[in-house]
Amino acid sequence: MTENKDLTDLTLIQARDGLRSKAFTARELTQSYLSAIDAADALNCFITKTPDKALDMADGADDRLAKGEARPLDGLPIGVKDLFCTRDVLTTAGSHILDGFTPRYESTVTEHLWRDGAVLLGKLNMDEFAMGSSNENSFYGPVVNPWRRAGDDAKLVPGGSSGGSAAAVAAHLVAGATGTDTGGSIRQPAAFTGVIGMKPTYGRCSRWGIAAFASSLDQAGPLARSVKDAALLLTSMAGHDAKDSTSINAPVPDFESAMTGDMKGLRVGIPKEYRVDNMPEEIDGFWRRGMEWCRAAGAEIVDISLPHTRYALPAYYIVAPAEASSNLARYDGVRYGLRVRDETDDITQMYERTRAEGFGDEVKRRVLMGTYVLSAGYYDAYYLKAQKVRTLIARDFDAAFGKVDLILTPTAPGPAFAIGDKADDLLAMYLNDVFTVPANLAGLPGLSFPAGLNAQGLPLGLQLIGKALDEETLFRAGGVLEEAAGFDAAPTRWWRDV
C-alpha cells in the first residue's frame, strides 16, 4: 500500500491504475484527499465539503473494484464547481440568493461522472453565477491562489470564474474538477494556477442542471493536472442529452486514446491579432517557444489572420450580460433560495428586496447592463450589432481552419495578480479574457496548458483552439506540448502552516 501522504500527488490516470492494481483502496485515496482539504481552509476553495458522501461513494467503488467490475472513473475523488446542481447537496452558484438551495435532481454532467464511479469531495467556490475573472465575486469570499510570487506573501487571485476548481486541482485537494467556461472561465484560471483547463465545443457537454449565466456561451469542461487526465474526465462528462436543446447529438470518442504522442502533419495557426499592445515579453517569449515545440514535434507553423478578433471582447460584454439579465430573472424569492420581505411588502417589494440583498455588485452590474442593451431603442444599436459581430468572428475562424488544424495563442495577457489589485478597474479586469472570449463566441473547443514560470515564479499558460467537435486533435497536440514544456513546478504548501 502506498503511504497516504503520497496519494494526492498521483494524477487521475496514476490513481486509476493504482486502484485497479490494488496498490491502495478508494477509501484510502479519498481519505487522503479529505485530510488535505481539512488542512487547506486558508485557500477557501470549498463552499460545501461532503466527506461522508465521499467515503460512501468510495466504498461503493471498492466493492466494484473487488468484483472486477471497475467503471471508467471508479474511486477517483473530484470536486464540482458549485454551479452544477447536485442532488441533496447545497448548490449556491457562489451567491447569497441561493441560500439553502438543495436540488432534488442531478445535473447531467455530474450524473455522468457518478455513473462512471467518480467520488464527490465537495462543491467548489466560484465567482457568483460565473461572473468574474478573479474569483473575488463570491458571496463566500475570494479563493486564494496556492501560488505565491517569489519573495512575496501577497495573496493572489486564482482567476475566474472556476477559480475554486483550478486552485483545488493545483493544491492537490482534488484529483480533478469540473468547471464552466463562458468567456474563458476554465482556461484563464488554469493558466493562473498552472493546471490543464479544457473547454469543449459548445454543446459537447449538456448544460442541463447547470445554473445559467449566458446560455449561448456556457459550456462545462474539466480541470486537471495532466492533459490525459482532462481527456479521461471529458470522456465521461460529454454526451448528448435530450433535456438540453443545444446538446450536440454526436458520438463521444475515447479522448484518452486520441493522444498518439506526435503532431506530425498538423498545421498550427498563429493569429497576428493576438499580439496585443503591452503584452509582457515573458508571455510573448513562451508563445514563440510554443511554436518551436510544435515544429520540433513535426507540425507546420502558419501565419493566419482573425481580423474581427479585436471586437470580440466588446461583443461578448454585450451578449453575455443580455443573456444573464434574462436567465437571472428567475431568482425572485418565490420558488427557491433567499426570500427577503417585510410584513407590509407586496410581491413587487419582495422581489426588489430579495434581488437587492441576494445579488452581489458584479451580478447587479451585468444584469443592469444586459437589461439596457435589450431595451427598446438600444436592442438594434447594441445587442443585434454584437450578434452580427459574433457571426463575423465565427466566419474568421472558419476561414482560418480551412488552412490550419489548430491555433496556438497565449491563454491570458498576464500572470495571477494580487487580490484587490484590479477590483476598481473593470476594464483591466475584463481584459483578462481577451484571448479566451473569441473561442466562446464561435463555439470552438480550447485547451490551456502551463508553459512555464515567469520571473516571479508564477505559471503562464498557452492555449490551443481547435475545430468544432475536434477535441481529439486538441488532446493529441496538448499532450505533446505538455511534454515539451516539461512543467513540473508546484506551489509550496504554505497554507498548511496558516
Protein backbone atom coordinates (compact mmCIF):
# COMPACT_ATOMS: atom_id res chain seq x y z
CA MET A 1 0.00 0.00 0.00
CA THR A 2 1.27 3.48 -0.90
CA GLU A 3 1.57 5.89 2.00
CA ASN A 4 -1.47 8.15 2.30
CA LYS A 5 0.66 11.29 2.19
CA ASP A 6 1.68 10.40 -1.39
CA LEU A 7 -1.75 9.61 -2.79
CA THR A 8 -2.77 13.19 -3.50
CA ASP A 9 0.31 13.60 -5.71
CA LEU A 10 -0.95 10.99 -8.16
CA THR A 11 -2.57 12.08 -11.40
CA LEU A 12 -6.03 10.72 -12.19
CA ILE A 13 -4.53 8.19 -14.58
CA GLN A 14 -1.98 7.06 -11.98
CA ALA A 15 -4.67 6.82 -9.31
CA ARG A 16 -6.92 4.83 -11.62
CA ASP A 17 -4.12 2.38 -12.39
CA GLY A 18 -3.18 2.13 -8.69
CA LEU A 19 -6.77 1.34 -7.69
CA ARG A 20 -7.07 -1.35 -10.33
CA SER A 21 -3.77 -2.93 -9.32
CA LYS A 22 -4.91 -2.92 -5.66
CA ALA A 23 -1.96 -0.72 -4.59
CA PHE A 24 -4.44 1.16 -2.37
CA THR A 25 -8.18 1.39 -1.92
CA ALA A 26 -10.64 4.07 -2.99
CA ARG A 27 -11.38 4.75 0.67
CA GLU A 28 -7.66 5.32 1.39
CA LEU A 29 -7.36 7.59 -1.62
CA THR A 30 -10.46 9.56 -0.65
CA GLN A 31 -9.40 9.87 2.98
CA SER A 32 -6.05 11.22 1.86
CA TYR A 33 -7.80 13.98 -0.09
CA LEU A 34 -10.20 14.72 2.77
CA SER A 35 -7.22 15.23 5.08
CA ALA A 36 -5.61 17.58 2.55
CA ILE A 37 -8.86 19.56 2.26
CA ASP A 38 -9.14 19.94 6.04
CA ALA A 39 -5.63 21.43 6.11
CA ALA A 40 -6.34 23.97 3.36
CA ASP A 41 -9.09 26.22 4.69
CA ALA A 42 -6.78 29.21 4.08
CA LEU A 43 -7.34 28.75 0.32
CA ASN A 44 -11.15 28.91 0.64
CA CYS A 45 -11.62 26.53 -2.30
CA PHE A 46 -14.73 24.80 -0.97
CA ILE A 47 -18.20 26.15 -0.30
CA THR A 48 -19.50 22.74 0.81
CA LYS A 49 -17.47 19.70 1.87
CA THR A 50 -19.08 16.26 1.56
CA PRO A 51 -16.81 13.85 3.49
CA ASP A 52 -19.49 11.32 4.46
CA LYS A 53 -20.87 11.15 0.94
CA ALA A 54 -17.35 10.83 -0.45
CA LEU A 55 -16.50 7.87 1.78
CA ASP A 56 -19.79 6.15 0.91
CA MET A 57 -19.08 6.59 -2.80
CA ALA A 58 -15.51 5.35 -2.29
CA ASP A 59 -16.78 2.24 -0.53
CA GLY A 60 -19.11 1.56 -3.47
CA ALA A 61 -16.15 1.87 -5.82
CA ASP A 62 -14.08 -0.52 -3.69
CA ASP A 63 -16.88 -3.10 -3.87
CA ARG A 64 -16.99 -2.89 -7.67
CA LEU A 65 -13.20 -3.00 -7.95
CA ALA A 66 -13.10 -6.10 -5.75
CA LYS A 67 -15.64 -7.80 -8.01
CA GLY A 68 -13.70 -6.90 -11.16
CA GLU A 69 -16.50 -4.56 -12.30
CA ALA A 70 -14.48 -1.35 -12.47
CA ARG A 71 -16.08 1.66 -14.09
CA PRO A 72 -14.00 4.24 -16.01
CA LEU A 73 -13.62 6.63 -13.04
CA ASP A 74 -14.17 4.24 -10.16
CA GLY A 75 -12.83 5.62 -6.88
CA LEU A 76 -11.37 8.84 -8.32
CA PRO A 77 -12.07 11.82 -5.98
CA ILE A 78 -13.09 15.04 -7.71
CA GLY A 79 -14.53 18.44 -6.87
CA VAL A 80 -17.53 20.05 -8.56
CA LYS A 81 -17.90 23.76 -9.30
CA ASP A 82 -20.87 24.99 -7.29
CA LEU A 83 -22.72 25.94 -10.48
CA PHE A 84 -23.65 22.27 -11.07
CA CYS A 85 -26.80 21.04 -9.32
CA THR A 86 -26.06 18.02 -7.13
CA ARG A 87 -28.92 16.04 -5.65
CA ASP A 88 -29.44 16.74 -1.92
CA VAL A 89 -26.20 18.74 -1.72
CA LEU A 90 -26.25 22.53 -1.23
CA THR A 91 -25.85 24.32 -4.56
CA THR A 92 -25.26 28.08 -4.37
CA ALA A 93 -23.63 29.31 -7.62
CA GLY A 94 -21.49 31.37 -5.24
CA SER A 95 -24.50 33.59 -4.48
CA HIS A 96 -26.42 34.68 -1.38
CA ILE A 97 -29.64 34.44 -3.38
CA LEU A 98 -29.44 30.61 -3.45
CA ASP A 99 -29.08 30.25 0.32
CA GLY A 100 -30.28 26.83 1.42
CA PHE A 101 -30.99 25.52 -2.09
CA THR A 102 -30.54 21.73 -2.19
CA PRO A 103 -31.67 20.36 -5.56
CA ARG A 104 -33.74 17.21 -5.83
CA TYR A 105 -32.10 16.42 -9.13
CA GLU A 106 -28.61 16.00 -10.59
CA SER A 107 -27.02 17.89 -13.46
CA THR A 108 -26.41 15.69 -16.49
CA VAL A 109 -22.64 16.21 -16.36
CA THR A 110 -22.31 15.19 -12.71
CA GLU A 111 -24.75 12.33 -13.24
CA HIS A 112 -22.38 11.02 -15.92
CA LEU A 113 -19.43 11.32 -13.53
CA TRP A 114 -21.20 9.41 -10.74
CA ARG A 115 -22.40 6.82 -13.29
CA ASP A 116 -18.74 6.19 -14.12
CA GLY A 117 -17.72 5.85 -10.46
CA ALA A 118 -16.21 9.24 -9.56
CA VAL A 119 -16.27 10.33 -5.90
CA LEU A 120 -17.64 13.75 -4.83
CA LEU A 121 -15.34 15.54 -2.36
CA GLY A 122 -17.43 18.72 -2.28
CA LYS A 123 -18.65 21.83 -4.08
CA LEU A 124 -16.04 24.35 -5.15
CA ASN A 125 -16.05 28.12 -4.72
CA MET A 126 -16.58 30.37 -7.72
CA ASP A 127 -17.43 33.89 -8.87
CA GLU A 128 -21.13 34.50 -8.29
CA PHE A 129 -23.13 32.98 -11.17
CA ALA A 130 -19.80 32.57 -13.01
CA MET A 131 -19.42 36.34 -13.46
CA GLY A 132 -15.80 37.24 -12.89
CA SER A 133 -12.18 36.77 -13.87
CA SER A 134 -10.60 36.61 -10.43
CA ASN A 135 -12.90 34.68 -8.07
CA GLU A 136 -13.29 37.79 -5.91
CA ASN A 137 -17.04 37.98 -6.58
CA SER A 138 -18.17 35.01 -4.47
CA PHE A 139 -20.58 35.60 -1.58
CA TYR A 140 -18.38 33.09 0.29
CA GLY A 141 -15.23 35.15 -0.06
CA PRO A 142 -12.36 35.05 -2.55
CA VAL A 143 -10.46 31.89 -3.37
CA VAL A 144 -6.72 32.23 -2.78
CA ASN A 145 -4.31 31.00 -5.44
CA PRO A 146 -1.93 28.37 -3.98
CA TRP A 147 0.93 30.03 -5.90
CA ARG A 148 2.84 32.99 -4.49
CA ARG A 149 5.26 35.39 -6.13
CA ALA A 150 8.88 34.79 -5.23
CA GLY A 151 9.75 36.62 -2.01
CA ASP A 152 6.22 37.97 -1.61
CA ASP A 153 3.43 36.75 0.70
CA ALA A 154 0.65 38.69 -1.06
CA LYS A 155 -2.44 36.58 -1.66
CA LEU A 156 -3.07 36.15 -5.38
CA VAL A 157 -6.27 35.50 -7.29
CA PRO A 158 -6.68 32.08 -8.95
CA GLY A 159 -8.58 33.51 -11.92
CA GLY A 160 -12.26 33.05 -12.50
CA SER A 161 -14.92 32.10 -12.55
CA SER A 162 -13.76 28.50 -11.98
CA GLY A 163 -11.11 29.67 -9.52
CA GLY A 164 -12.06 27.25 -6.77
CA SER A 165 -11.78 24.34 -9.20
CA ALA A 166 -8.41 25.46 -10.56
CA ALA A 167 -6.93 26.23 -7.14
CA ALA A 168 -8.13 22.92 -5.69
CA VAL A 169 -6.53 20.98 -8.55
CA ALA A 170 -3.27 22.94 -8.25
CA ALA A 171 -3.14 22.48 -4.46
CA HIS A 172 -3.83 18.73 -4.77
CA LEU A 173 -7.10 19.00 -2.84
CA VAL A 174 -8.93 17.15 -5.62
CA ALA A 175 -7.67 14.82 -8.32
CA GLY A 176 -9.69 16.70 -10.94
CA ALA A 177 -12.62 19.09 -11.10
CA THR A 178 -15.48 20.33 -13.21
CA GLY A 179 -15.64 23.93 -14.36
CA THR A 180 -17.67 26.03 -16.75
CA ASP A 181 -16.37 28.37 -19.42
CA THR A 182 -18.49 31.27 -20.72
CA GLY A 183 -15.69 33.62 -21.77
CA GLY A 184 -12.58 31.81 -20.51
CA SER A 185 -13.63 30.70 -17.03
CA ILE A 186 -11.90 27.31 -17.29
CA ARG A 187 -8.85 28.24 -19.35
CA GLN A 188 -7.88 31.53 -17.67
CA PRO A 189 -7.82 30.14 -14.08
CA ALA A 190 -5.98 27.08 -15.40
CA ALA A 191 -3.27 29.43 -16.70
CA PHE A 192 -3.13 31.34 -13.40
CA THR A 193 -2.69 28.15 -11.35
CA GLY A 194 -0.51 26.01 -13.60
CA VAL A 195 -3.03 23.27 -14.45
CA ILE A 196 -4.83 21.95 -17.53
CA GLY A 197 -8.15 23.56 -18.43
CA MET A 198 -10.29 22.31 -21.29
CA LYS A 199 -13.38 23.98 -22.80
CA PRO A 200 -15.11 21.59 -25.21
CA THR A 201 -17.14 22.51 -28.28
CA TYR A 202 -20.36 24.29 -27.37
CA GLY A 203 -22.95 21.54 -26.97
CA ARG A 204 -20.46 18.72 -26.35
CA CYS A 205 -21.45 18.64 -22.64
CA SER A 206 -25.03 19.11 -21.54
CA ARG A 207 -25.94 22.37 -19.80
CA TRP A 208 -28.94 20.76 -18.07
CA GLY A 209 -28.74 21.25 -14.31
CA ILE A 210 -26.07 23.96 -14.53
CA ALA A 211 -27.15 27.41 -13.28
CA ALA A 212 -27.22 29.51 -16.43
CA PHE A 213 -25.17 32.66 -16.98
CA ALA A 214 -25.21 33.16 -20.78
CA SER A 215 -26.93 30.20 -22.39
CA SER A 216 -25.40 30.55 -25.86
CA LEU A 217 -21.87 30.65 -24.41
CA ASP A 218 -21.79 28.47 -21.25
CA GLN A 219 -20.01 25.15 -21.57
CA ALA A 220 -18.86 22.63 -18.97
CA GLY A 221 -15.39 21.15 -19.05
CA PRO A 222 -12.64 19.56 -16.92
CA LEU A 223 -9.68 20.94 -14.99
CA ALA A 224 -6.89 18.51 -14.19
CA ARG A 225 -3.16 18.11 -13.58
CA SER A 226 -2.38 16.50 -16.94
CA VAL A 227 -3.81 16.57 -20.45
CA LYS A 228 -4.51 12.84 -20.26
CA ASP A 229 -6.45 13.38 -17.01
CA ALA A 230 -8.58 16.03 -18.73
CA ALA A 231 -9.22 13.64 -21.62
CA LEU A 232 -10.34 10.95 -19.18
CA LEU A 233 -12.76 13.32 -17.44
CA LEU A 234 -14.23 14.75 -20.64
CA THR A 235 -14.95 11.28 -21.99
CA SER A 236 -17.29 10.78 -19.03
CA MET A 237 -18.70 14.33 -18.90
CA ALA A 238 -19.67 14.58 -22.57
CA GLY A 239 -22.65 13.13 -24.38
CA HIS A 240 -25.96 14.00 -25.99
CA ASP A 241 -28.79 14.98 -23.67
CA ALA A 242 -32.40 15.22 -24.84
CA LYS A 243 -33.10 17.57 -21.91
CA ASP A 244 -30.78 20.22 -23.43
CA SER A 245 -31.91 21.56 -26.81
CA THR A 246 -28.38 22.83 -27.52
CA SER A 247 -26.75 19.45 -26.85
CA ILE A 248 -25.00 18.02 -29.91
CA ASN A 249 -26.03 14.50 -30.91
CA ALA A 250 -22.58 13.20 -31.83
CA PRO A 251 -20.58 10.16 -30.69
CA VAL A 252 -18.18 10.74 -27.80
CA PRO A 253 -14.70 9.47 -28.70
CA ASP A 254 -12.33 7.91 -26.21
CA PHE A 255 -10.30 11.10 -25.89
CA GLU A 256 -7.51 9.38 -23.96
CA SER A 257 -6.80 7.05 -26.88
CA ALA A 258 -6.51 10.05 -29.23
CA MET A 259 -3.22 11.02 -27.59
CA THR A 260 -0.80 9.45 -30.07
CA GLY A 261 2.25 11.35 -28.83
CA ASP A 262 3.03 13.21 -32.05
CA MET A 263 1.93 16.25 -34.09
CA LYS A 264 3.25 15.12 -37.45
CA GLY A 265 1.37 16.64 -40.34
CA LEU A 266 -0.59 19.14 -38.26
CA ARG A 267 -0.73 22.79 -39.31
CA VAL A 268 -0.78 25.24 -36.39
CA GLY A 269 -2.02 28.77 -36.98
CA ILE A 270 -0.56 31.87 -35.31
CA PRO A 271 -3.04 34.77 -35.43
CA LYS A 272 -1.35 38.14 -35.79
CA GLU A 273 -4.21 39.87 -33.96
CA TYR A 274 -3.30 38.13 -30.68
CA ARG A 275 -0.14 40.23 -30.43
CA VAL A 276 -1.78 42.88 -28.28
CA ASP A 277 -0.29 46.14 -27.04
CA ASN A 278 1.74 45.97 -23.82
CA MET A 279 1.78 42.17 -23.72
CA PRO A 280 4.55 41.11 -21.32
CA GLU A 281 7.70 39.93 -23.06
CA GLU A 282 7.62 36.73 -21.00
CA ILE A 283 4.27 35.73 -22.46
CA ASP A 284 5.41 36.51 -26.00
CA GLY A 285 8.57 34.51 -25.28
CA PHE A 286 6.64 31.44 -24.19
CA TRP A 287 4.39 31.81 -27.24
CA ARG A 288 7.46 31.73 -29.51
CA ARG A 289 8.75 28.77 -27.54
CA GLY A 290 5.41 27.02 -28.08
CA MET A 291 5.84 27.46 -31.82
CA GLU A 292 9.26 25.83 -31.61
CA TRP A 293 7.80 22.91 -29.66
CA CYS A 294 5.23 22.47 -32.44
CA ARG A 295 7.92 22.48 -35.13
CA ALA A 296 10.06 20.01 -33.20
CA ALA A 297 7.07 17.67 -32.97
CA GLY A 298 6.59 17.69 -36.75
CA ALA A 299 3.92 20.39 -37.08
CA GLU A 300 3.99 23.30 -39.52
CA ILE A 301 3.55 26.87 -38.25
CA VAL A 302 1.27 29.02 -40.42
CA ASP A 303 0.60 32.76 -40.00
CA ILE A 304 -3.13 33.48 -40.06
CA SER A 305 -5.46 36.42 -39.55
CA LEU A 306 -8.59 36.65 -37.43
CA PRO A 307 -9.48 40.26 -38.32
CA HIS A 308 -12.60 40.62 -36.17
CA THR A 309 -10.89 39.38 -33.01
CA ARG A 310 -10.43 42.99 -31.88
CA TYR A 311 -14.20 43.28 -31.50
CA ALA A 312 -14.65 40.03 -29.56
CA LEU A 313 -14.41 41.45 -26.05
CA PRO A 314 -16.92 44.31 -26.53
CA ALA A 315 -19.29 41.95 -28.35
CA TYR A 316 -19.01 39.44 -25.52
CA TYR A 317 -19.75 42.08 -22.88
CA ILE A 318 -22.99 42.88 -24.69
CA VAL A 319 -24.18 39.35 -25.50
CA ALA A 320 -23.30 37.74 -22.14
CA PRO A 321 -24.95 40.37 -19.88
CA ALA A 322 -28.03 40.41 -22.13
CA GLU A 323 -28.49 36.68 -21.68
CA ALA A 324 -27.69 36.96 -17.97
CA SER A 325 -30.40 39.58 -17.44
CA SER A 326 -32.91 37.10 -18.83
CA ASN A 327 -31.58 33.99 -17.07
CA LEU A 328 -31.32 35.62 -13.64
CA ALA A 329 -34.88 36.92 -13.71
CA ARG A 330 -35.94 33.56 -12.20
CA TYR A 331 -34.26 34.41 -8.88
CA ASP A 332 -37.01 36.38 -7.23
CA GLY A 333 -37.55 34.92 -3.76
CA VAL A 334 -40.65 32.97 -4.78
CA ARG A 335 -39.60 29.44 -5.65
CA TYR A 336 -36.24 28.71 -4.04
CA GLY A 337 -33.33 30.22 -2.17
CA LEU A 338 -33.33 33.52 -0.34
CA ARG A 339 -36.52 35.48 0.37
CA VAL A 340 -36.32 38.96 1.90
CA ARG A 341 -39.55 40.77 2.76
CA ASP A 342 -41.15 42.99 5.35
CA GLU A 343 -44.59 42.15 6.68
CA THR A 344 -46.02 45.12 4.81
CA ASP A 345 -44.32 44.33 1.46
CA ASP A 346 -46.32 43.49 -1.62
CA ILE A 347 -44.86 40.98 -4.09
CA THR A 348 -43.01 43.65 -6.11
CA GLN A 349 -41.30 44.97 -3.00
CA MET A 350 -40.37 41.41 -2.05
CA TYR A 351 -38.78 40.92 -5.48
CA GLU A 352 -36.82 44.13 -5.07
CA ARG A 353 -35.59 43.41 -1.55
CA THR A 354 -34.62 39.82 -2.38
CA ARG A 355 -32.66 40.72 -5.51
CA ALA A 356 -31.04 43.75 -3.88
CA GLU A 357 -29.73 41.69 -0.96
CA GLY A 358 -29.24 38.41 -2.81
CA PHE A 359 -27.08 39.54 -5.72
CA GLY A 360 -23.55 40.93 -5.45
CA ASP A 361 -22.25 44.04 -7.18
CA GLU A 362 -20.86 42.37 -10.30
CA VAL A 363 -24.05 40.41 -10.93
CA LYS A 364 -26.15 43.56 -10.49
CA ARG A 365 -23.82 45.41 -12.86
CA ARG A 366 -24.18 42.80 -15.60
CA VAL A 367 -27.94 42.42 -15.16
CA LEU A 368 -28.35 46.20 -15.49
CA MET A 369 -26.04 46.29 -18.50
CA GLY A 370 -27.90 43.41 -20.14
CA THR A 371 -31.31 44.91 -19.49
CA TYR A 372 -30.12 48.19 -21.00
CA VAL A 373 -28.84 46.67 -24.27
CA LEU A 374 -32.09 44.71 -24.69
CA SER A 375 -34.33 47.69 -24.04
CA ALA A 376 -36.38 49.50 -26.67
CA GLY A 377 -34.23 51.82 -28.72
CA TYR A 378 -30.96 50.07 -27.83
CA TYR A 379 -31.57 46.47 -28.98
CA ASP A 380 -30.62 47.20 -32.60
CA ALA A 381 -27.77 49.53 -31.70
CA TYR A 382 -26.07 47.15 -29.29
CA TYR A 383 -27.37 43.60 -28.98
CA LEU A 384 -28.21 42.99 -32.65
CA LYS A 385 -24.92 44.54 -33.75
CA ALA A 386 -22.98 42.39 -31.27
CA GLN A 387 -24.65 39.28 -32.68
CA LYS A 388 -23.58 40.30 -36.18
CA VAL A 389 -20.01 40.77 -34.98
CA ARG A 390 -20.20 37.32 -33.38
CA THR A 391 -21.09 35.85 -36.76
CA LEU A 392 -18.13 37.59 -38.37
CA ILE A 393 -15.80 36.21 -35.69
CA ALA A 394 -17.09 32.68 -36.33
CA ARG A 395 -16.51 33.17 -40.08
CA ASP A 396 -12.94 34.27 -39.39
CA PHE A 397 -12.32 31.00 -37.56
CA ASP A 398 -13.97 29.00 -40.35
CA ALA A 399 -11.66 30.64 -42.89
CA ALA A 400 -8.60 30.02 -40.72
CA PHE A 401 -9.49 26.38 -40.20
CA GLY A 402 -9.55 25.96 -43.97
CA LYS A 403 -5.77 26.39 -43.74
CA VAL A 404 -4.80 25.01 -40.32
CA ASP A 405 -5.79 22.26 -37.88
CA LEU A 406 -5.14 24.17 -34.65
CA ILE A 407 -4.48 27.70 -33.43
CA LEU A 408 -1.86 28.49 -30.79
CA THR A 409 -2.16 31.63 -28.62
CA PRO A 410 -1.41 32.82 -25.09
CA THR A 411 -4.18 32.00 -22.62
CA ALA A 412 -4.13 35.22 -20.59
CA PRO A 413 -2.42 38.61 -21.02
CA GLY A 414 -0.56 38.33 -17.72
CA PRO A 415 0.06 36.17 -14.65
CA ALA A 416 -2.06 35.98 -11.49
CA PHE A 417 -2.37 39.30 -9.69
CA ALA A 418 -2.94 40.18 -6.04
CA ILE A 419 -6.42 40.08 -4.56
CA GLY A 420 -7.85 43.60 -4.75
CA ASP A 421 -5.37 44.89 -7.35
CA LYS A 422 -7.93 45.24 -10.14
CA ALA A 423 -11.15 45.42 -8.14
CA ASP A 424 -11.64 49.10 -9.01
CA ASP A 425 -10.52 48.84 -12.63
CA LEU A 426 -13.26 47.00 -14.51
CA LEU A 427 -11.62 47.40 -17.91
CA ALA A 428 -8.38 45.83 -16.67
CA MET A 429 -10.39 43.01 -15.09
CA TYR A 430 -12.42 42.34 -18.24
CA LEU A 431 -9.23 42.34 -20.37
CA ASN A 432 -8.18 39.12 -18.62
CA ASP A 433 -10.50 37.35 -21.07
CA VAL A 434 -9.16 38.98 -24.23
CA PHE A 435 -7.53 35.76 -25.56
CA THR A 436 -10.23 33.31 -24.46
CA VAL A 437 -13.51 35.03 -25.41
CA PRO A 438 -13.26 34.54 -29.21
CA ALA A 439 -13.45 30.74 -28.92
CA ASN A 440 -16.65 31.04 -26.86
CA LEU A 441 -18.29 33.38 -29.35
CA ALA A 442 -17.51 30.86 -32.11
CA GLY A 443 -18.42 27.80 -30.01
CA LEU A 444 -14.99 26.23 -30.50
CA PRO A 445 -13.00 23.96 -28.16
CA GLY A 446 -9.92 25.32 -26.39
CA LEU A 447 -7.28 23.88 -24.10
CA SER A 448 -4.89 25.75 -21.80
CA PHE A 449 -1.68 24.14 -20.60
CA PRO A 450 1.13 25.55 -18.40
CA ALA A 451 4.11 26.65 -20.48
CA GLY A 452 6.44 27.62 -17.65
CA LEU A 453 7.07 30.12 -14.86
CA ASN A 454 7.70 33.84 -15.18
CA ALA A 455 10.50 35.72 -13.40
CA GLN A 456 8.31 35.98 -10.27
CA GLY A 457 7.80 32.21 -10.18
CA LEU A 458 4.19 32.28 -11.37
CA PRO A 459 2.68 29.99 -14.03
CA LEU A 460 1.94 31.23 -17.55
CA GLY A 461 -0.28 29.34 -19.96
CA LEU A 462 -0.62 28.77 -23.68
CA GLN A 463 -3.88 27.98 -25.42
CA LEU A 464 -4.77 25.67 -28.28
CA ILE A 465 -8.03 26.32 -30.16
CA GLY A 466 -9.45 23.57 -32.34
CA LYS A 467 -12.17 22.92 -34.88
CA ALA A 468 -15.71 22.23 -33.68
CA LEU A 469 -16.04 18.66 -32.33
CA ASP A 470 -12.34 18.01 -32.89
CA GLU A 471 -11.28 17.74 -29.26
CA GLU A 472 -9.26 14.67 -30.24
CA THR A 473 -6.72 16.79 -32.13
CA LEU A 474 -6.59 19.25 -29.21
CA PHE A 475 -5.75 16.46 -26.78
CA ARG A 476 -3.26 14.93 -29.21
CA ALA A 477 -1.38 18.22 -29.61
CA GLY A 478 -1.88 19.25 -25.98
CA GLY A 479 -0.22 16.07 -24.75
CA VAL A 480 2.80 16.66 -26.98
CA LEU A 481 3.20 20.30 -25.95
CA GLU A 482 2.70 19.42 -22.28
CA GLU A 483 5.60 17.00 -22.53
CA ALA A 484 7.73 19.52 -24.41
CA ALA A 485 7.07 22.20 -21.79
CA GLY A 486 8.07 19.77 -19.04
CA PHE A 487 6.17 21.79 -16.46
CA ASP A 488 6.68 20.06 -13.11
CA ALA A 489 6.75 23.05 -10.76
CA ALA A 490 4.38 23.10 -7.80
CA PRO A 491 3.39 25.71 -5.23
CA THR A 492 4.90 25.41 -1.78
CA ARG A 493 2.17 24.23 0.57
CA TRP A 494 2.28 27.32 2.74
CA TRP A 495 -1.41 27.04 3.58
CA ARG A 496 -0.76 24.07 5.84
CA ASP A 497 1.06 26.37 8.25
CA VAL A 498 -1.67 29.04 8.41
